[in-house]
Amino acid sequence: MPLSSVYSKLIKIPKSAIDENGHVNNVMYVQWMQDVAVEHYASIGGIEAQGSESTWVVREHKIEYFLPAFADEEIEIKTWVENIRRVRSLRKYEFIRKSDEKVLVKGETDWVFVDVKTGMPKAVPEKVQKIFELIRDA
C-alpha cells in the first residue's frame, strides 16, 4: 500500500517573505512549492527508492494567486501527486490561510524524472511509482 496521500505543512510567514507591496512575494510560493515537494518525497522514501542514479527536475510551474498573505500569518501548504506518466509526474499544491480557511494560492509542478549522468529523461521506475498514492481533484 502506498505511504503517501496529501502532505500538509503549517508555516508562519516570516517578515523576510514580504515584498515592497506589503504581502508575500510571489517568488516565495515557488520556493515553498519546491521545499514541500522535496519534504513530502523524502518522507515517503522517495529518495531511497530512486537511488543515486536518478533525480527529479522541474519542467514547468503554474501558479494561480487568489488572495494575498501577510507577515506572521499561519498558512497550511498542501501537496499531492495527481499523476505519474512515463517520465513525468504532476504535483499540485494549495496554500490556505488558517485564520479563515481561505485558499490563497493554487499551483502545480510538472516534474521530469532524469538520469543524473546524462540529464536525459528516463522512465519512472515501478518502485518509485509505488510509493505514491495518486490523488485526483483533491
N, C-alpha and C. Protein backbone atom coordinates (compact mmCIF):
# COMPACT_ATOMS: atom_id res chain seq x y z
N MET A 1 0.85 -1.19 0.00
CA MET A 1 0.00 0.00 0.00
C MET A 1 0.89 1.25 0.00
N PRO A 2 0.62 2.22 -0.86
CA PRO A 2 1.43 3.43 -0.89
C PRO A 2 1.38 4.18 0.43
N LEU A 3 2.46 4.86 0.75
CA LEU A 3 2.56 5.59 2.01
C LEU A 3 2.08 7.03 1.92
N SER A 4 1.93 7.54 0.72
CA SER A 4 1.64 8.97 0.58
C SER A 4 0.16 9.25 0.38
N SER A 5 -0.20 10.46 0.67
CA SER A 5 -1.53 10.99 0.34
C SER A 5 -1.33 12.49 0.22
N VAL A 6 -2.22 13.26 0.79
CA VAL A 6 -1.99 14.70 0.81
C VAL A 6 -1.01 15.00 1.94
N TYR A 7 0.06 15.66 1.60
CA TYR A 7 1.07 16.06 2.58
C TYR A 7 0.76 17.49 2.98
N SER A 8 0.85 17.78 4.26
CA SER A 8 0.48 19.09 4.77
C SER A 8 1.56 19.62 5.70
N LYS A 9 1.79 20.93 5.60
CA LYS A 9 2.78 21.58 6.46
C LYS A 9 2.25 22.96 6.85
N LEU A 10 2.36 23.29 8.13
CA LEU A 10 1.99 24.62 8.60
C LEU A 10 3.25 25.47 8.69
N ILE A 11 3.14 26.71 8.22
CA ILE A 11 4.25 27.65 8.39
C ILE A 11 3.70 29.00 8.85
N LYS A 12 4.53 29.71 9.58
CA LYS A 12 4.23 31.09 9.94
C LYS A 12 5.05 31.94 8.98
N ILE A 13 4.40 32.85 8.30
CA ILE A 13 5.07 33.64 7.26
C ILE A 13 6.08 34.58 7.90
N PRO A 14 7.35 34.42 7.52
CA PRO A 14 8.38 35.31 8.07
C PRO A 14 8.35 36.68 7.39
N LYS A 15 8.81 37.67 8.12
CA LYS A 15 8.87 39.03 7.56
C LYS A 15 9.75 39.07 6.31
N SER A 16 10.72 38.19 6.23
CA SER A 16 11.63 38.16 5.07
C SER A 16 10.92 37.74 3.78
N ALA A 17 9.71 37.17 3.89
CA ALA A 17 8.95 36.75 2.70
C ALA A 17 8.12 37.89 2.11
N ILE A 18 8.09 39.02 2.77
CA ILE A 18 7.23 40.14 2.37
C ILE A 18 7.96 41.05 1.39
N ASP A 19 7.24 41.45 0.32
CA ASP A 19 7.85 42.32 -0.70
C ASP A 19 7.46 43.78 -0.49
N GLU A 20 7.83 44.61 -1.46
CA GLU A 20 7.57 46.04 -1.36
C GLU A 20 6.08 46.39 -1.39
N ASN A 21 5.24 45.44 -1.77
CA ASN A 21 3.79 45.66 -1.76
C ASN A 21 3.15 45.28 -0.43
N GLY A 22 3.96 44.80 0.49
CA GLY A 22 3.47 44.50 1.83
C GLY A 22 2.86 43.12 2.01
N HIS A 23 2.98 42.27 0.99
CA HIS A 23 2.47 40.89 1.12
C HIS A 23 3.54 39.91 0.66
N VAL A 24 3.23 38.62 0.77
CA VAL A 24 4.22 37.60 0.41
C VAL A 24 4.62 37.78 -1.06
N ASN A 25 5.92 37.78 -1.28
CA ASN A 25 6.47 37.88 -2.63
C ASN A 25 6.11 36.62 -3.41
N ASN A 26 5.72 36.80 -4.66
CA ASN A 26 5.32 35.67 -5.50
C ASN A 26 6.39 34.58 -5.59
N VAL A 27 7.64 34.98 -5.60
CA VAL A 27 8.74 34.02 -5.71
C VAL A 27 8.76 33.06 -4.51
N MET A 28 8.30 33.53 -3.36
CA MET A 28 8.29 32.69 -2.16
C MET A 28 7.40 31.46 -2.35
N TYR A 29 6.30 31.62 -3.06
CA TYR A 29 5.41 30.48 -3.27
C TYR A 29 6.10 29.38 -4.08
N VAL A 30 6.89 29.78 -5.07
CA VAL A 30 7.63 28.80 -5.86
C VAL A 30 8.64 28.08 -4.96
N GLN A 31 9.33 28.82 -4.11
CA GLN A 31 10.28 28.20 -3.19
C GLN A 31 9.58 27.23 -2.25
N TRP A 32 8.45 27.65 -1.69
CA TRP A 32 7.70 26.79 -0.77
C TRP A 32 7.17 25.55 -1.49
N MET A 33 6.75 25.70 -2.73
CA MET A 33 6.28 24.55 -3.51
C MET A 33 7.41 23.52 -3.65
N GLN A 34 8.58 23.99 -4.02
CA GLN A 34 9.71 23.08 -4.18
C GLN A 34 10.08 22.45 -2.84
N ASP A 35 10.14 23.25 -1.78
CA ASP A 35 10.53 22.74 -0.47
C ASP A 35 9.56 21.66 0.03
N VAL A 36 8.26 21.91 -0.09
CA VAL A 36 7.28 20.95 0.43
C VAL A 36 7.24 19.70 -0.44
N ALA A 37 7.48 19.84 -1.73
CA ALA A 37 7.54 18.66 -2.61
C ALA A 37 8.70 17.75 -2.20
N VAL A 38 9.85 18.34 -1.95
CA VAL A 38 11.03 17.56 -1.54
C VAL A 38 10.79 16.91 -0.17
N GLU A 39 10.20 17.66 0.76
CA GLU A 39 9.89 17.11 2.09
C GLU A 39 8.94 15.92 1.98
N HIS A 40 7.88 16.09 1.18
CA HIS A 40 6.91 15.01 1.01
C HIS A 40 7.60 13.78 0.42
N TYR A 41 8.34 13.96 -0.64
CA TYR A 41 9.02 12.86 -1.33
C TYR A 41 9.96 12.14 -0.38
N ALA A 42 10.74 12.90 0.39
CA ALA A 42 11.67 12.29 1.35
C ALA A 42 10.91 11.53 2.43
N SER A 43 9.78 12.07 2.87
CA SER A 43 9.03 11.46 3.98
C SER A 43 8.42 10.10 3.62
N ILE A 44 8.23 9.85 2.34
CA ILE A 44 7.64 8.57 1.91
C ILE A 44 8.67 7.62 1.30
N GLY A 45 9.95 7.96 1.45
CA GLY A 45 11.01 7.07 0.99
C GLY A 45 11.39 7.24 -0.46
N GLY A 46 11.03 8.37 -1.06
CA GLY A 46 11.33 8.58 -2.48
C GLY A 46 12.80 8.65 -2.80
N ILE A 47 13.57 9.28 -1.94
CA ILE A 47 15.00 9.44 -2.22
C ILE A 47 15.68 8.07 -2.24
N GLU A 48 15.32 7.21 -1.28
CA GLU A 48 15.88 5.86 -1.25
C GLU A 48 15.42 5.06 -2.47
N ALA A 49 14.13 5.19 -2.83
CA ALA A 49 13.58 4.42 -3.95
C ALA A 49 14.22 4.80 -5.28
N GLN A 50 14.54 6.08 -5.47
CA GLN A 50 15.09 6.50 -6.76
C GLN A 50 16.57 6.15 -6.90
N GLY A 51 17.28 6.03 -5.78
CA GLY A 51 18.71 5.74 -5.83
C GLY A 51 19.52 6.96 -6.24
N SER A 52 20.81 6.78 -6.41
CA SER A 52 21.70 7.91 -6.70
C SER A 52 21.88 8.18 -8.20
N GLU A 53 21.32 7.33 -9.03
CA GLU A 53 21.49 7.47 -10.48
C GLU A 53 20.44 8.36 -11.14
N SER A 54 19.38 8.71 -10.38
CA SER A 54 18.26 9.46 -10.95
C SER A 54 17.86 10.60 -10.03
N THR A 55 17.13 11.55 -10.61
CA THR A 55 16.59 12.65 -9.82
C THR A 55 15.40 13.25 -10.56
N TRP A 56 14.69 14.13 -9.89
CA TRP A 56 13.58 14.86 -10.50
C TRP A 56 14.02 16.28 -10.80
N VAL A 57 13.60 16.82 -11.93
CA VAL A 57 13.83 18.23 -12.25
C VAL A 57 12.50 18.85 -12.67
N VAL A 58 12.40 20.14 -12.48
CA VAL A 58 11.17 20.86 -12.81
C VAL A 58 11.13 21.17 -14.30
N ARG A 59 10.00 20.85 -14.92
CA ARG A 59 9.75 21.22 -16.32
C ARG A 59 8.94 22.51 -16.37
N GLU A 60 7.95 22.61 -15.47
CA GLU A 60 7.06 23.78 -15.52
C GLU A 60 6.36 23.96 -14.17
N HIS A 61 6.23 25.23 -13.76
CA HIS A 61 5.41 25.60 -12.62
C HIS A 61 4.22 26.41 -13.13
N LYS A 62 3.06 26.19 -12.54
CA LYS A 62 1.90 27.05 -12.78
C LYS A 62 1.37 27.47 -11.41
N ILE A 63 1.06 28.76 -11.30
CA ILE A 63 0.57 29.28 -10.02
C ILE A 63 -0.59 30.23 -10.30
N GLU A 64 -1.63 30.09 -9.50
CA GLU A 64 -2.77 31.00 -9.58
C GLU A 64 -2.94 31.64 -8.20
N TYR A 65 -2.92 32.98 -8.18
CA TYR A 65 -3.00 33.73 -6.94
C TYR A 65 -4.42 34.24 -6.74
N PHE A 66 -4.99 33.96 -5.56
CA PHE A 66 -6.35 34.39 -5.26
C PHE A 66 -6.39 35.53 -4.25
N LEU A 67 -5.62 35.40 -3.18
CA LEU A 67 -5.61 36.40 -2.11
C LEU A 67 -4.19 36.58 -1.59
N PRO A 68 -3.85 37.78 -1.09
CA PRO A 68 -2.51 37.98 -0.54
C PRO A 68 -2.38 37.37 0.85
N ALA A 69 -1.14 37.13 1.23
CA ALA A 69 -0.82 36.69 2.59
C ALA A 69 0.19 37.67 3.17
N PHE A 70 0.21 37.74 4.49
CA PHE A 70 0.99 38.77 5.16
C PHE A 70 1.87 38.17 6.26
N ALA A 71 2.85 38.97 6.71
CA ALA A 71 3.78 38.53 7.74
C ALA A 71 3.03 38.04 8.98
N ASP A 72 3.56 37.01 9.57
CA ASP A 72 3.07 36.41 10.82
C ASP A 72 1.77 35.64 10.68
N GLU A 73 1.18 35.58 9.49
CA GLU A 73 0.01 34.73 9.30
C GLU A 73 0.46 33.27 9.25
N GLU A 74 -0.39 32.40 9.72
CA GLU A 74 -0.12 30.97 9.62
C GLU A 74 -0.84 30.44 8.40
N ILE A 75 -0.09 29.74 7.55
CA ILE A 75 -0.70 29.13 6.36
C ILE A 75 -0.38 27.64 6.34
N GLU A 76 -1.29 26.91 5.74
CA GLU A 76 -1.08 25.48 5.55
C GLU A 76 -0.78 25.27 4.08
N ILE A 77 0.29 24.53 3.83
CA ILE A 77 0.65 24.17 2.47
C ILE A 77 0.31 22.69 2.30
N LYS A 78 -0.51 22.41 1.30
CA LYS A 78 -0.88 21.03 0.99
C LYS A 78 -0.31 20.67 -0.37
N THR A 79 0.16 19.44 -0.51
CA THR A 79 0.64 18.96 -1.80
C THR A 79 0.29 17.49 -1.97
N TRP A 80 0.12 17.12 -3.21
CA TRP A 80 -0.18 15.73 -3.56
C TRP A 80 0.22 15.49 -5.01
N VAL A 81 0.39 14.23 -5.34
CA VAL A 81 0.74 13.85 -6.71
C VAL A 81 -0.53 13.41 -7.42
N GLU A 82 -0.82 14.05 -8.54
CA GLU A 82 -2.04 13.74 -9.28
C GLU A 82 -1.84 12.61 -10.28
N ASN A 83 -0.67 12.59 -10.93
CA ASN A 83 -0.44 11.51 -11.89
C ASN A 83 1.05 11.26 -12.08
N ILE A 84 1.34 10.07 -12.57
CA ILE A 84 2.69 9.71 -12.98
C ILE A 84 2.56 9.13 -14.38
N ARG A 85 3.25 9.76 -15.31
CA ARG A 85 3.30 9.26 -16.69
C ARG A 85 4.67 8.63 -16.89
N ARG A 86 5.01 8.28 -18.06
CA ARG A 86 6.24 7.53 -18.32
C ARG A 86 7.48 8.17 -17.67
N VAL A 87 7.74 9.45 -17.97
CA VAL A 87 8.92 10.13 -17.43
C VAL A 87 8.56 11.35 -16.59
N ARG A 88 7.26 11.61 -16.40
CA ARG A 88 6.83 12.84 -15.73
C ARG A 88 5.82 12.57 -14.63
N SER A 89 5.68 13.57 -13.77
CA SER A 89 4.71 13.49 -12.69
C SER A 89 4.15 14.89 -12.43
N LEU A 90 2.85 14.95 -12.23
CA LEU A 90 2.20 16.24 -11.95
C LEU A 90 1.88 16.30 -10.46
N ARG A 91 2.43 17.31 -9.80
CA ARG A 91 2.22 17.54 -8.37
C ARG A 91 1.43 18.83 -8.21
N LYS A 92 0.43 18.83 -7.32
CA LYS A 92 -0.40 20.00 -7.09
C LYS A 92 -0.22 20.52 -5.67
N TYR A 93 -0.61 21.79 -5.48
CA TYR A 93 -0.41 22.48 -4.21
C TYR A 93 -1.60 23.40 -3.92
N GLU A 94 -1.87 23.59 -2.63
CA GLU A 94 -2.80 24.62 -2.17
C GLU A 94 -2.18 25.29 -0.95
N PHE A 95 -2.34 26.61 -0.88
CA PHE A 95 -1.91 27.40 0.26
C PHE A 95 -3.17 27.96 0.90
N ILE A 96 -3.38 27.64 2.17
CA ILE A 96 -4.62 28.01 2.86
C ILE A 96 -4.28 28.82 4.10
N ARG A 97 -4.92 29.98 4.25
CA ARG A 97 -4.74 30.79 5.45
C ARG A 97 -5.55 30.13 6.58
N LYS A 98 -4.90 29.84 7.68
CA LYS A 98 -5.56 29.10 8.75
C LYS A 98 -6.61 29.92 9.49
N SER A 99 -6.45 31.22 9.58
CA SER A 99 -7.40 32.03 10.37
C SER A 99 -8.81 32.03 9.78
N ASP A 100 -8.92 31.91 8.46
CA ASP A 100 -10.26 31.94 7.84
C ASP A 100 -10.47 30.79 6.84
N GLU A 101 -9.46 29.91 6.71
CA GLU A 101 -9.53 28.74 5.81
C GLU A 101 -9.71 29.12 4.34
N LYS A 102 -9.31 30.32 3.96
CA LYS A 102 -9.40 30.76 2.57
C LYS A 102 -8.20 30.24 1.77
N VAL A 103 -8.48 29.81 0.54
CA VAL A 103 -7.40 29.38 -0.36
C VAL A 103 -6.75 30.63 -0.92
N LEU A 104 -5.47 30.76 -0.68
CA LEU A 104 -4.71 31.93 -1.14
C LEU A 104 -4.11 31.70 -2.53
N VAL A 105 -3.58 30.49 -2.71
CA VAL A 105 -2.85 30.18 -3.93
C VAL A 105 -3.07 28.71 -4.27
N LYS A 106 -3.15 28.42 -5.57
CA LYS A 106 -3.12 27.04 -6.06
C LYS A 106 -1.99 26.96 -7.07
N GLY A 107 -1.33 25.83 -7.09
CA GLY A 107 -0.23 25.68 -8.04
C GLY A 107 -0.05 24.24 -8.45
N GLU A 108 0.80 24.06 -9.44
CA GLU A 108 1.17 22.72 -9.87
C GLU A 108 2.57 22.77 -10.47
N THR A 109 3.24 21.63 -10.38
CA THR A 109 4.57 21.49 -10.95
C THR A 109 4.60 20.22 -11.78
N ASP A 110 5.10 20.34 -12.99
CA ASP A 110 5.34 19.19 -13.85
C ASP A 110 6.80 18.81 -13.64
N TRP A 111 7.03 17.65 -12.99
CA TRP A 111 8.36 17.16 -12.71
C TRP A 111 8.76 16.11 -13.75
N VAL A 112 10.03 16.08 -14.10
CA VAL A 112 10.56 15.09 -15.05
C VAL A 112 11.62 14.27 -14.34
N PHE A 113 11.53 12.95 -14.48
CA PHE A 113 12.50 12.03 -13.90
C PHE A 113 13.66 11.90 -14.87
N VAL A 114 14.89 12.14 -14.39
CA VAL A 114 16.05 12.15 -15.29
C VAL A 114 17.20 11.31 -14.76
N ASP A 115 18.06 10.91 -15.68
CA ASP A 115 19.31 10.24 -15.37
C ASP A 115 20.30 11.31 -14.92
N VAL A 116 20.91 11.12 -13.75
CA VAL A 116 21.82 12.11 -13.19
C VAL A 116 23.02 12.36 -14.10
N LYS A 117 23.56 11.32 -14.70
CA LYS A 117 24.78 11.46 -15.52
C LYS A 117 24.51 12.13 -16.86
N THR A 118 23.41 11.79 -17.51
CA THR A 118 23.16 12.31 -18.85
C THR A 118 22.22 13.52 -18.86
N GLY A 119 21.42 13.64 -17.79
CA GLY A 119 20.42 14.71 -17.76
C GLY A 119 19.21 14.41 -18.63
N MET A 120 19.19 13.23 -19.21
CA MET A 120 18.09 12.85 -20.12
C MET A 120 16.94 12.23 -19.32
N PRO A 121 15.69 12.48 -19.78
CA PRO A 121 14.54 11.85 -19.13
C PRO A 121 14.63 10.33 -19.18
N LYS A 122 14.11 9.71 -18.14
CA LYS A 122 14.06 8.25 -18.12
C LYS A 122 12.77 7.82 -17.44
N ALA A 123 12.33 6.63 -17.74
CA ALA A 123 11.07 6.12 -17.20
C ALA A 123 11.12 6.08 -15.68
N VAL A 124 10.03 6.49 -15.06
CA VAL A 124 9.92 6.43 -13.61
C VAL A 124 9.82 4.95 -13.22
N PRO A 125 10.78 4.46 -12.43
CA PRO A 125 10.76 3.04 -12.08
C PRO A 125 9.52 2.67 -11.25
N GLU A 126 9.12 1.41 -11.36
CA GLU A 126 7.94 0.94 -10.63
C GLU A 126 8.10 1.14 -9.13
N LYS A 127 9.31 0.94 -8.60
CA LYS A 127 9.50 1.09 -7.15
C LYS A 127 9.29 2.54 -6.70
N VAL A 128 9.52 3.51 -7.58
CA VAL A 128 9.23 4.92 -7.27
C VAL A 128 7.73 5.17 -7.42
N GLN A 129 7.13 4.64 -8.48
CA GLN A 129 5.69 4.83 -8.68
C GLN A 129 4.89 4.28 -7.50
N LYS A 130 5.33 3.17 -6.94
CA LYS A 130 4.58 2.50 -5.87
C LYS A 130 4.51 3.29 -4.57
N ILE A 131 5.42 4.25 -4.37
CA ILE A 131 5.39 4.99 -3.11
C ILE A 131 4.31 6.07 -3.08
N PHE A 132 3.75 6.38 -4.24
CA PHE A 132 2.74 7.43 -4.33
C PHE A 132 1.33 6.88 -4.34
N GLU A 133 0.46 7.55 -3.62
CA GLU A 133 -0.97 7.35 -3.75
C GLU A 133 -1.45 8.52 -4.60
N LEU A 134 -1.87 8.26 -5.82
CA LEU A 134 -2.28 9.34 -6.71
C LEU A 134 -3.63 9.87 -6.27
N ILE A 135 -3.74 11.19 -6.25
CA ILE A 135 -4.96 11.84 -5.81
C ILE A 135 -5.41 12.81 -6.89
N ARG A 136 -6.56 12.56 -7.44
CA ARG A 136 -7.11 13.43 -8.47
C ARG A 136 -8.17 14.35 -7.87
N ASP A 137 -8.12 15.62 -8.28
CA ASP A 137 -9.13 16.60 -7.84
C ASP A 137 -9.28 16.66 -6.32
N ALA A 138 -8.15 16.76 -5.62
CA ALA A 138 -8.20 16.83 -4.15
C ALA A 138 -8.83 18.13 -3.69
